[in-house]
Protein backbone atom coordinates (compact mmCIF):
# COMPACT_ATOMS: atom_id res chain seq x y z
CA MET A 1 -30.69 -7.58 4.32
CA SER A 2 -28.20 -6.11 3.10
CA ASP A 3 -24.97 -5.24 5.24
CA LEU A 4 -24.94 -1.63 6.06
CA LEU A 5 -21.11 -1.88 6.98
CA GLN A 6 -20.43 -3.84 4.45
CA SER A 7 -21.96 -1.24 1.52
CA GLY A 8 -20.36 1.72 3.35
CA LEU A 9 -16.95 0.16 3.33
CA ALA A 10 -17.27 -0.51 -0.18
CA TRP A 11 -18.24 3.06 -0.73
CA LEU A 12 -15.94 5.01 1.04
CA ALA A 13 -13.01 2.26 -0.46
CA GLN A 14 -14.30 3.51 -3.76
CA LYS A 15 -14.17 7.04 -2.92
CA LEU A 16 -10.94 7.23 -1.58
CA LYS A 17 -10.08 5.94 -5.34
CA GLN A 18 -11.65 8.36 -6.73
CA HIS A 19 -10.50 10.99 -4.43
CA ALA A 20 -8.06 11.02 -2.58
CA SER A 21 -5.69 9.00 -4.66
CA ARG A 22 -2.67 9.26 -6.92
CA GLN A 23 -1.37 6.99 -10.16
CA VAL A 24 1.41 5.26 -9.03
CA THR A 25 3.47 1.67 -10.87
CA TYR A 26 3.53 -1.62 -8.86
CA GLU A 27 6.42 -3.89 -10.14
CA ARG A 28 6.83 -7.27 -9.29
CA GLY A 29 10.10 -8.42 -11.65
CA VAL A 30 9.81 -7.84 -15.26
CA ASN A 31 6.08 -7.20 -14.26
CA SER A 32 4.36 -3.79 -13.54
CA VAL A 33 0.65 -2.71 -13.75
CA VAL A 34 -0.08 0.99 -13.08
CA LEU A 35 -3.23 1.74 -10.40
CA LEU A 36 -4.54 3.99 -8.28
CA ALA A 37 -3.28 4.31 -4.60
CA THR A 38 -4.30 6.25 -1.69
CA PRO A 39 -1.14 7.39 0.49
CA ALA A 40 -1.77 7.02 4.31
CA LYS A 41 0.62 6.08 7.46
CA THR A 42 0.71 2.63 10.09
CA GLN A 43 2.45 3.38 13.08
CA PHE A 44 3.58 0.93 15.31
CA GLU A 45 5.96 0.34 18.22
CA GLN A 46 9.12 -1.10 17.77
CA SER A 47 12.07 -1.87 20.12
CA ASP A 48 15.53 -0.36 19.97
CA THR A 49 19.11 -2.26 20.66
CA SER A 50 18.84 -1.51 24.13
CA GLY A 51 15.22 -2.58 24.58
CA LEU A 52 13.26 0.56 24.80
CA LYS A 53 10.24 0.35 23.03
CA VAL A 54 9.91 3.19 20.12
CA ASP A 55 6.97 4.67 18.15
CA SER A 56 7.04 4.70 14.82
CA GLU A 57 5.75 5.31 11.37
CA ILE A 58 5.79 3.66 7.66
CA ARG A 59 4.44 5.11 4.77
CA ASP A 60 1.42 3.09 3.19
CA PHE A 61 -0.20 2.55 0.11
CA LEU A 62 -4.13 1.53 0.13
CA ILE A 63 -4.73 -0.50 -3.37
CA ALA A 64 -8.15 -2.45 -4.39
CA PRO A 65 -7.09 -5.84 -4.62
CA ALA A 66 -8.91 -6.13 -8.28
CA ASP A 67 -6.24 -3.80 -9.68
CA LEU A 68 -3.21 -5.49 -8.44
CA VAL A 69 -2.93 -7.40 -11.70
CA LEU A 70 0.37 -8.81 -12.78
CA ALA A 71 0.87 -10.96 -15.92
CA GLY A 72 -2.89 -11.18 -16.18
CA GLU A 73 -3.49 -12.81 -12.77
CA MET A 74 -4.47 -11.33 -9.50
CA VAL A 75 -1.60 -11.46 -7.46
CA LEU A 76 -0.96 -10.15 -3.38
CA PRO A 77 1.69 -7.86 -2.33
CA GLU A 78 4.86 -9.60 -1.74
CA ARG A 79 8.26 -8.46 0.21
CA GLY A 80 10.57 -6.89 -2.35
CA ASP A 81 7.72 -6.02 -4.80
CA LEU A 82 8.27 -1.93 -6.37
CA ILE A 83 5.76 1.13 -6.31
CA ARG A 84 6.75 3.79 -7.95
CA GLU A 85 5.18 7.11 -6.89
CA SER A 86 5.79 10.85 -9.55
CA ASP A 87 5.19 14.18 -7.23
CA GLY A 88 5.86 16.72 -9.58
CA SER A 89 9.38 16.19 -11.05
CA THR A 90 10.49 14.02 -8.26
CA LEU A 91 9.81 9.96 -8.80
CA HIS A 92 9.92 8.01 -5.59
CA LEU A 93 10.84 4.42 -5.26
CA PHE A 94 9.04 2.67 -2.24
CA GLU A 95 9.69 -1.59 -1.37
CA VAL A 96 7.10 -3.93 0.15
CA VAL A 97 8.48 -4.49 3.62
CA PRO A 98 7.05 -6.14 7.09
CA VAL A 99 6.25 -3.99 9.66
CA GLY A 100 7.01 -5.47 12.95
CA GLY A 101 6.75 -8.86 12.10
CA GLU A 102 3.65 -8.31 10.40
CA PRO A 103 3.09 -9.45 6.66
CA PRO A 104 3.81 -6.89 4.39
CA TYR A 105 0.27 -6.55 3.85
CA ARG A 106 -2.99 -6.75 5.08
CA TYR A 107 -6.51 -5.86 4.66
CA THR A 108 -8.51 -2.21 5.66
CA ASP A 109 -11.51 -4.68 6.32
CA PRO A 110 -12.88 -7.56 7.16
CA TYR A 111 -14.75 -7.61 3.62
CA ARG A 112 -11.09 -6.78 1.83
CA ASN A 113 -12.12 -3.82 0.07
CA LEU A 114 -8.48 -2.68 -0.01
CA PHE A 115 -5.36 -3.97 0.57
CA ARG A 116 -2.85 -1.32 3.06
CA ILE A 117 0.21 -1.98 1.91
CA HIS A 118 3.60 -1.35 3.50
CA VAL A 119 6.31 0.69 2.20
CA ARG A 120 9.97 2.23 2.79
CA GLU A 121 11.35 5.00 0.56
CA ILE A 122 14.51 3.59 -0.79
CA ASP A 123 15.69 6.13 -3.72
CA THR A 124 14.32 9.20 -5.27
CA GLU A 125 14.93 10.53 -8.87
CA GLN A 126 14.52 14.10 -10.44
CA GLU A 127 12.02 13.02 -13.40
């Protein structure tokens, strides 16, 4: 018997890539790959300097693990990697960062169909 949840989540990941993604460039050092990524966000709670809990939000990109290939090898996202996204005449540069004591990425589901990669914008340029 097939796993209905697994096939449904794989279908959803494919549809997100086909219909809700945009082309980005993922970079690590001198290596880069152009791939499709779906913009997303993560909400989390953090403490400010006085100890008060503050609700925050960070930008994410959803990327198929099979697409993240650098120098001929599938890789995992790492802190400090860069993602370039063009939005009309503006080029946005994002850095992969951890969030709230967690790693800089996590899988979106138990079947590991997509990475949810946490990023922060570090620069913009006019193209």
